[in-house]
Amino acid sequence: MNKREIDKPKIQQAVRMILEAIGENPEREGVLDTPTRVANMYEEIFSGIGTEPQELLQVCFSEFHDELVLVRDIPIYSMCEHHLLPFYGKAHVAYIPKGGKVVGISKLARVAELYARRPQLQERLTSQIADCINNTLNPYGVGVVIEAEHMCMTMRGIRKPGSVTVTSAVRGIFETRPETRAELLSLINRNN
């Protein structure tokens, strides 16, 4: 997994400047260590930058299964690239294996997590997950649905807490066969 180092001193300096710019005293006890805490947090929440999620899907197993595989309700946390505020919710990731080539189900969740750990748009995140699985595994089809609440809509701007944005990306048989897409959606919505 390729990974790059972040420039923590630069983040600390920027956070200190933000505190000063909003009229806060960066030497005040409560915020004195905030620049360091923010730099450490950014290292974690942006750890997907510079990674290649495709590498996670290189280890496959030989198992003849050509029916839908769905990992539902994967927790997703990301940062909106427009305001650097979080959006969070759940992803549902499905694929239909081809040629006896299956991947460990935890890898599907890990692909979603690595793409989420970047400044993102929900629409792009949904497509990146679908394209990664589709292009790496070459399955019969891939379907990804993400449901998320965006803090840039709930704590600022329009201020509509509880609003959920739903995006989907379908590839292969999920795109060409409405009944297969309907099966996926019914499994995602089961018991919700």
C-alpha atoms as a PDB file:
ATOM      1  CA  MET A   1       0.000   0.000   0.000  1.00  0.00           C
ATOM      2  CA  ASN A   2       1.593   3.251  -1.064  1.00  0.00           C
ATOM      3  CA  LYS A   3       1.336   5.949   1.582  1.00  0.00           C
ATOM      4  CA  ARG A   4       2.767   9.411   1.832  1.00  0.00           C
ATOM      5  CA  GLU A   5       3.773  11.394   4.883  1.00  0.00           C
ATOM      6  CA  ILE A   6       1.819  14.510   5.753  1.00  0.00           C
ATOM      7  CA  ASP A   7       3.474  17.766   6.761  1.00  0.00           C
ATOM      8  CA  LYS A   8       2.338  18.047  10.384  1.00  0.00           C
ATOM      9  CA  PRO A   9       4.333  21.221  11.192  1.00  0.00           C
ATOM     10  CA  LYS A  10       2.678  22.982   8.261  1.00  0.00           C
ATOM     11  CA  ILE A  11      -0.785  21.906   9.474  1.00  0.00           C
ATOM     12  CA  GLN A  12       0.050  23.068  13.001  1.00  0.00           C
ATOM     13  CA  GLN A  13       1.146  26.455  11.682  1.00  0.00           C
ATOM     14  CA  ALA A  14      -2.032  26.764   9.583  1.00  0.00           C
ATOM     15  CA  VAL A  15      -4.304  25.863  12.506  1.00  0.00           C
ATOM     16  CA  ARG A  16      -2.538  28.378  14.713  1.00  0.00           C
ATOM     17  CA  MET A  17      -3.108  31.023  12.015  1.00  0.00           C
ATOM     18  CA  ILE A  18      -6.795  30.064  11.786  1.00  0.00           C
ATOM     19  CA  LEU A  19      -7.157  30.438  15.563  1.00  0.00           C
ATOM     20  CA  GLU A  20      -5.555  33.868  15.364  1.00  0.00           C
ATOM     21  CA  ALA A  21      -7.686  34.848  12.345  1.00  0.00           C
ATOM     22  CA  ILE A  22     -10.961  34.082  14.134  1.00  0.00           C
ATOM     23  CA  GLY A  23      -9.856  36.156  17.130  1.00  0.00           C
ATOM     24  CA  GLU A  24      -8.861  33.300  19.417  1.00  0.00           C
ATOM     25  CA  ASN A  25      -5.718  33.397  21.541  1.00  0.00           C
ATOM     26  CA  PRO A  26      -3.629  30.390  20.381  1.00  0.00           C
ATOM     27  CA  GLU A  27      -1.775  30.506  23.729  1.00  0.00           C
ATOM     28  CA  ARG A  28      -4.971  29.973  25.763  1.00  0.00           C
ATOM     29  CA  GLU A  29      -4.827  26.730  27.743  1.00  0.00           C
ATOM     30  CA  GLY A  30      -7.840  25.126  26.025  1.00  0.00           C
ATOM     31  CA  VAL A  31      -6.486  25.599  22.501  1.00  0.00           C
ATOM     32  CA  LEU A  32      -2.737  25.526  23.157  1.00  0.00           C
ATOM     33  CA  ASP A  33      -2.415  21.928  21.899  1.00  0.00           C
ATOM     34  CA  THR A  34      -5.145  22.223  19.261  1.00  0.00           C
ATOM     35  CA  PRO A  35      -2.718  22.614  16.329  1.00  0.00           C
ATOM     36  CA  THR A  36      -0.983  19.353  17.281  1.00  0.00           C
ATOM     37  CA  ARG A  37      -4.278  17.539  17.843  1.00  0.00           C
ATOM     38  CA  VAL A  38      -5.613  18.709  14.464  1.00  0.00           C
ATOM     39  CA  ALA A  39      -2.414  17.642  12.675  1.00  0.00           C
ATOM     40  CA  ASN A  40      -2.645  14.169  14.243  1.00  0.00           C
ATOM     41  CA  MET A  41      -6.334  13.947  13.359  1.00  0.00           C
ATOM     42  CA  TYR A  42      -5.705  14.992   9.744  1.00  0.00           C
ATOM     43  CA  GLU A  43      -3.016  12.340   9.424  1.00  0.00           C
ATOM     44  CA  GLU A  44      -5.646   9.740  10.325  1.00  0.00           C
ATOM     45  CA  ILE A  45      -8.704  11.035   8.486  1.00  0.00           C
ATOM     46  CA  PHE A  46      -6.800  11.790   5.277  1.00  0.00           C
ATOM     47  CA  SER A  47      -4.774   8.568   5.315  1.00  0.00           C
ATOM     48  CA  GLY A  48      -6.374   7.485   2.032  1.00  0.00           C
ATOM     49  CA  ILE A  49      -4.436  10.107   0.067  1.00  0.00           C
ATOM     50  CA  GLY A  50      -1.645   8.408  -1.832  1.00  0.00           C
ATOM     51  CA  THR A  51      -3.004   4.890  -1.310  1.00  0.00           C
ATOM     52  CA  GLU A  52      -3.913   2.450  -4.057  1.00  0.00           C
ATOM     53  CA  PRO A  53      -7.070   0.615  -2.925  1.00  0.00           C
ATOM     54  CA  GLN A  54      -6.814  -1.702  -5.962  1.00  0.00           C
ATOM     55  CA  GLU A  55      -3.939  -3.475  -4.186  1.00  0.00           C
ATOM     56  CA  LEU A  56      -6.409  -4.736  -1.564  1.00  0.00           C
ATOM     57  CA  LEU A  57      -8.266  -6.713  -4.232  1.00  0.00           C
ATOM     58  CA  GLN A  58      -5.216  -8.548  -5.581  1.00  0.00           C
ATOM     59  CA  VAL A  59      -5.638 -11.493  -3.204  1.00  0.00           C
ATOM     60  CA  CYS A  60      -8.522 -13.567  -4.530  1.00  0.00           C
ATOM     61  CA  PHE A  61      -9.857 -17.012  -3.756  1.00  0.00           C
ATOM     62  CA  SER A  62     -10.999 -19.715  -6.112  1.00  0.00           C
ATOM     63  CA  GLU A  63     -14.620 -20.367  -5.300  1.00  0.00           C
ATOM     64  CA  PHE A  64     -17.294 -20.807  -7.896  1.00  0.00           C
ATOM     65  CA  HIS A  65     -19.972 -18.374  -6.814  1.00  0.00           C
ATOM     66  CA  ASP A  66     -21.661 -16.307  -9.490  1.00  0.00           C
ATOM     67  CA  GLU A  67     -24.426 -14.822  -7.371  1.00  0.00           C
ATOM     68  CA  LEU A  68     -24.681 -11.455  -5.672  1.00  0.00           C
ATOM     69  CA  VAL A  69     -22.344 -10.711  -2.751  1.00  0.00           C
ATOM     70  CA  LEU A  70     -23.361  -7.687  -0.664  1.00  0.00           C
ATOM     71  CA  VAL A  71     -21.640  -6.042   2.288  1.00  0.00           C
ATOM     72  CA  ARG A  72     -24.286  -3.765   3.726  1.00  0.00           C
ATOM     73  CA  ASP A  73     -24.158  -0.906   6.225  1.00  0.00           C
ATOM     74  CA  ILE A  74     -20.413  -0.208   6.083  1.00  0.00           C
ATOM     75  CA  PRO A  75     -19.813   2.898   8.227  1.00  0.00           C
ATOM     76  CA  ILE A  76     -18.357   5.716   6.127  1.00  0.00           C
ATOM     77  CA  TYR A  77     -16.683   8.877   7.424  1.00  0.00           C
ATOM     78  CA  SER A  78     -15.230  11.387   4.994  1.00  0.00           C
ATOM     79  CA  MET A  79     -14.527  15.090   4.611  1.00  0.00           C
ATOM     80  CA  CYS A  80     -16.365  17.253   2.109  1.00  0.00           C
ATOM     81  CA  GLU A  81     -13.732  18.879  -0.049  1.00  0.00           C
ATOM     82  CA  HIS A  82     -15.754  22.097  -0.344  1.00  0.00           C
ATOM     83  CA  HIS A  83     -15.853  23.053   3.355  1.00  0.00           C
ATOM     84  CA  LEU A  84     -13.598  20.454   5.035  1.00  0.00           C
ATOM     85  CA  LEU A  85     -16.530  19.367   7.152  1.00  0.00           C
ATOM     86  CA  PRO A  86     -17.410  15.712   7.714  1.00  0.00           C
ATOM     87  CA  PHE A  87     -20.023  13.661   5.971  1.00  0.00           C
ATOM     88  CA  TYR A  88     -20.886  10.293   7.369  1.00  0.00           C
ATOM     89  CA  GLY A  89     -23.271   7.433   6.866  1.00  0.00           C
ATOM     90  CA  LYS A  90     -23.172   3.979   5.393  1.00  0.00           C
ATOM     91  CA  ALA A  91     -22.080   2.339   2.205  1.00  0.00           C
ATOM     92  CA  HIS A  92     -23.515  -0.785   0.619  1.00  0.00           C
ATOM     93  CA  VAL A  93     -21.083  -2.540  -1.715  1.00  0.00           C
ATOM     94  CA  ALA A  94     -22.070  -5.461  -3.950  1.00  0.00           C
ATOM     95  CA  TYR A  95     -20.546  -7.463  -6.758  1.00  0.00           C
ATOM     96  CA  ILE A  96     -21.295 -10.600  -8.712  1.00  0.00           C
ATOM     97  CA  PRO A  97     -18.101 -12.678  -9.042  1.00  0.00           C
ATOM     98  CA  LYS A  98     -17.062 -14.083 -12.407  1.00  0.00           C
ATOM     99  CA  GLY A  99     -14.866 -17.052 -13.245  1.00  0.00           C
ATOM    100  CA  GLY A 100     -14.593 -18.454  -9.739  1.00  0.00           C
ATOM    101  CA  LYS A 101     -12.742 -15.344  -8.531  1.00  0.00           C
ATOM    102  CA  VAL A 102     -13.951 -14.051  -5.152  1.00  0.00           C
ATOM    103  CA  VAL A 103     -12.325 -11.565  -2.800  1.00  0.00           C
ATOM    104  CA  GLY A 104     -12.397 -11.440   0.999  1.00  0.00           C
ATOM    105  CA  ILE A 105     -15.475  -9.465   2.003  1.00  0.00           C
ATOM    106  CA  SER A 106     -13.500  -7.293   4.427  1.00  0.00           C
ATOM    107  CA  LYS A 107     -11.563  -6.002   1.425  1.00  0.00           C
ATOM    108  CA  LEU A 108     -14.746  -4.458   0.006  1.00  0.00           C
ATOM    109  CA  ALA A 109     -15.217  -2.457   3.206  1.00  0.00           C
ATOM    110  CA  ARG A 110     -11.538  -1.527   3.232  1.00  0.00           C
ATOM    111  CA  VAL A 111     -11.707  -0.185  -0.352  1.00  0.00           C
ATOM    112  CA  ALA A 112     -14.637   2.022   0.684  1.00  0.00           C
ATOM    113  CA  GLU A 113     -12.745   3.225   3.756  1.00  0.00           C
ATOM    114  CA  LEU A 114      -9.562   4.125   1.867  1.00  0.00           C
ATOM    115  CA  TYR A 115     -11.425   6.170  -0.735  1.00  0.00           C
ATOM    116  CA  ALA A 116     -13.403   7.886   2.046  1.00  0.00           C
ATOM    117  CA  ARG A 117     -10.194   8.947   3.809  1.00  0.00           C
ATOM    118  CA  ARG A 118      -9.549  11.770   1.345  1.00  0.00           C
ATOM    119  CA  PRO A 119     -11.168  15.136   0.730  1.00  0.00           C
ATOM    120  CA  GLN A 120     -14.209  13.913  -1.190  1.00  0.00           C
ATOM    121  CA  LEU A 121     -17.494  14.440  -2.906  1.00  0.00           C
ATOM    122  CA  GLN A 122     -20.026  11.726  -2.149  1.00  0.00           C
ATOM    123  CA  GLU A 123     -20.728  11.284  -5.847  1.00  0.00           C
ATOM    124  CA  ARG A 124     -17.045  10.715  -6.630  1.00  0.00           C
ATOM    125  CA  LEU A 125     -16.584   8.405  -3.647  1.00  0.00           C
ATOM    126  CA  THR A 126     -19.440   6.200  -4.844  1.00  0.00           C
ATOM    127  CA  SER A 127     -18.011   5.956  -8.362  1.00  0.00           C
ATOM    128  CA  GLN A 128     -14.432   5.380  -7.196  1.00  0.00           C
ATOM    129  CA  ILE A 129     -15.460   2.381  -5.101  1.00  0.00           C
ATOM    130  CA  ALA A 130     -17.498   0.894  -7.964  1.00  0.00           C
ATOM    131  CA  ASP A 131     -14.785   1.500 -10.564  1.00  0.00           C
ATOM    132  CA  CYS A 132     -12.036   0.066  -8.366  1.00  0.00           C
ATOM    133  CA  ILE A 133     -13.922  -3.194  -7.815  1.00  0.00           C
ATOM    134  CA  ASN A 134     -15.111  -3.384 -11.411  1.00  0.00           C
ATOM    135  CA  ASN A 135     -11.715  -2.689 -12.977  1.00  0.00           C
ATOM    136  CA  THR A 136      -9.724  -4.895 -10.593  1.00  0.00           C
ATOM    137  CA  LEU A 137     -11.967  -7.963 -10.241  1.00  0.00           C
ATOM    138  CA  ASN A 138     -13.722  -7.832 -13.624  1.00  0.00           C
ATOM    139  CA  PRO A 139     -16.941  -9.222 -12.128  1.00  0.00           C
ATOM    140  CA  TYR A 140     -20.308  -9.607 -13.838  1.00  0.00           C
ATOM    141  CA  GLY A 141     -21.374  -6.431 -12.073  1.00  0.00           C
ATOM    142  CA  VAL A 142     -20.807  -3.981  -9.238  1.00  0.00           C
ATOM    143  CA  GLY A 143     -23.287  -1.877  -7.300  1.00  0.00           C
ATOM    144  CA  VAL A 144     -22.482   0.756  -4.678  1.00  0.00           C
ATOM    145  CA  VAL A 145     -24.995   2.846  -2.738  1.00  0.00           C
ATOM    146  CA  ILE A 146     -23.971   5.435  -0.154  1.00  0.00           C
ATOM    147  CA  GLU A 147     -26.335   7.172   2.265  1.00  0.00           C
ATOM    148  CA  ALA A 148     -24.737  10.081   4.129  1.00  0.00           C
ATOM    149  CA  GLU A 149     -25.456  13.162   6.178  1.00  0.00           C
ATOM    150  CA  HIS A 150     -23.308  16.182   5.374  1.00  0.00           C
ATOM    151  CA  MET A 151     -22.283  18.542   8.164  1.00  0.00           C
ATOM    152  CA  CYS A 152     -21.894  21.332   5.585  1.00  0.00           C
ATOM    153  CA  MET A 153     -25.702  21.107   5.211  1.00  0.00           C
ATOM    154  CA  THR A 154     -26.567  20.556   8.864  1.00  0.00           C
ATOM    155  CA  MET A 155     -24.407  22.978  10.847  1.00  0.00           C
ATOM    156  CA  ARG A 156     -24.053  25.791   8.295  1.00  0.00           C
ATOM    157  CA  GLY A 157     -25.719  27.035   5.143  1.00  0.00           C
ATOM    158  CA  ILE A 158     -29.199  25.581   4.790  1.00  0.00           C
ATOM    159  CA  ARG A 159     -29.039  23.957   8.282  1.00  0.00           C
ATOM    160  CA  LYS A 160     -31.170  20.885   7.643  1.00  0.00           C
ATOM    161  CA  PRO A 161     -30.103  18.209  10.169  1.00  0.00           C
ATOM    162  CA  GLY A 162     -31.241  14.724   9.319  1.00  0.00           C
ATOM    163  CA  SER A 163     -31.087  15.289   5.561  1.00  0.00           C
ATOM    164  CA  VAL A 164     -29.584  12.218   3.922  1.00  0.00           C
ATOM    165  CA  THR A 165     -27.976  12.227   0.496  1.00  0.00           C
ATOM    166  CA  VAL A 166     -28.128   8.949  -1.426  1.00  0.00           C
ATOM    167  CA  THR A 167     -25.814   8.203  -4.350  1.00  0.00           C
ATOM    168  CA  SER A 168     -25.410   5.063  -6.408  1.00  0.00           C
ATOM    169  CA  ALA A 169     -23.034   3.694  -8.992  1.00  0.00           C
ATOM    170  CA  VAL A 170     -23.787   0.540 -10.967  1.00  0.00           C
ATOM    171  CA  ARG A 171     -21.560  -1.270 -13.409  1.00  0.00           C
ATOM    172  CA  GLY A 172     -22.014  -4.309 -15.628  1.00  0.00           C
ATOM    173  CA  ILE A 173     -25.089  -6.440 -15.060  1.00  0.00           C
ATOM    174  CA  PHE A 174     -26.457  -4.055 -12.406  1.00  0.00           C
ATOM    175  CA  GLU A 175     -26.556  -1.409 -15.107  1.00  0.00           C
ATOM    176  CA  THR A 176     -27.949  -3.543 -17.925  1.00  0.00           C
ATOM    177  CA  ARG A 177     -30.448  -5.751 -16.072  1.00  0.00           C
ATOM    178  CA  PRO A 178     -33.146  -3.877 -14.126  1.00  0.00           C
ATOM    179  CA  GLU A 179     -34.149  -7.046 -12.256  1.00  0.00           C
ATOM    180  CA  THR A 180     -30.606  -7.492 -10.938  1.00  0.00           C
ATOM    181  CA  ARG A 181     -30.505  -3.855  -9.817  1.00  0.00           C
ATOM    182  CA  ALA A 182     -33.931  -4.340  -8.169  1.00  0.00           C
ATOM    183  CA  GLU A 183     -32.611  -7.407  -6.297  1.00  0.00           C
ATOM    184  CA  LEU A 184     -29.677  -5.354  -5.011  1.00  0.00           C
ATOM    185  CA  LEU A 185     -31.896  -2.505  -3.846  1.00  0.00           C
ATOM    186  CA  SER A 186     -34.318  -4.873  -2.126  1.00  0.00           C
ATOM    187  CA  LEU A 187     -31.440  -6.511  -0.221  1.00  0.00           C
ATOM    188  CA  ILE A 188     -30.055  -3.105   0.801  1.00  0.00           C
ATOM    189  CA  ASN A 189     -33.474  -1.938   2.026  1.00  0.00           C
ATOM    190  CA  ARG A 190     -34.343  -5.175   3.836  1.00  0.00           C
ATOM    191  CA  ASN A 191     -34.920  -4.530   7.558  1.00  0.00           C
ATOM    192  CA  ASN A 192     -34.156  -0.822   7.219  1.00  0.00           C
END
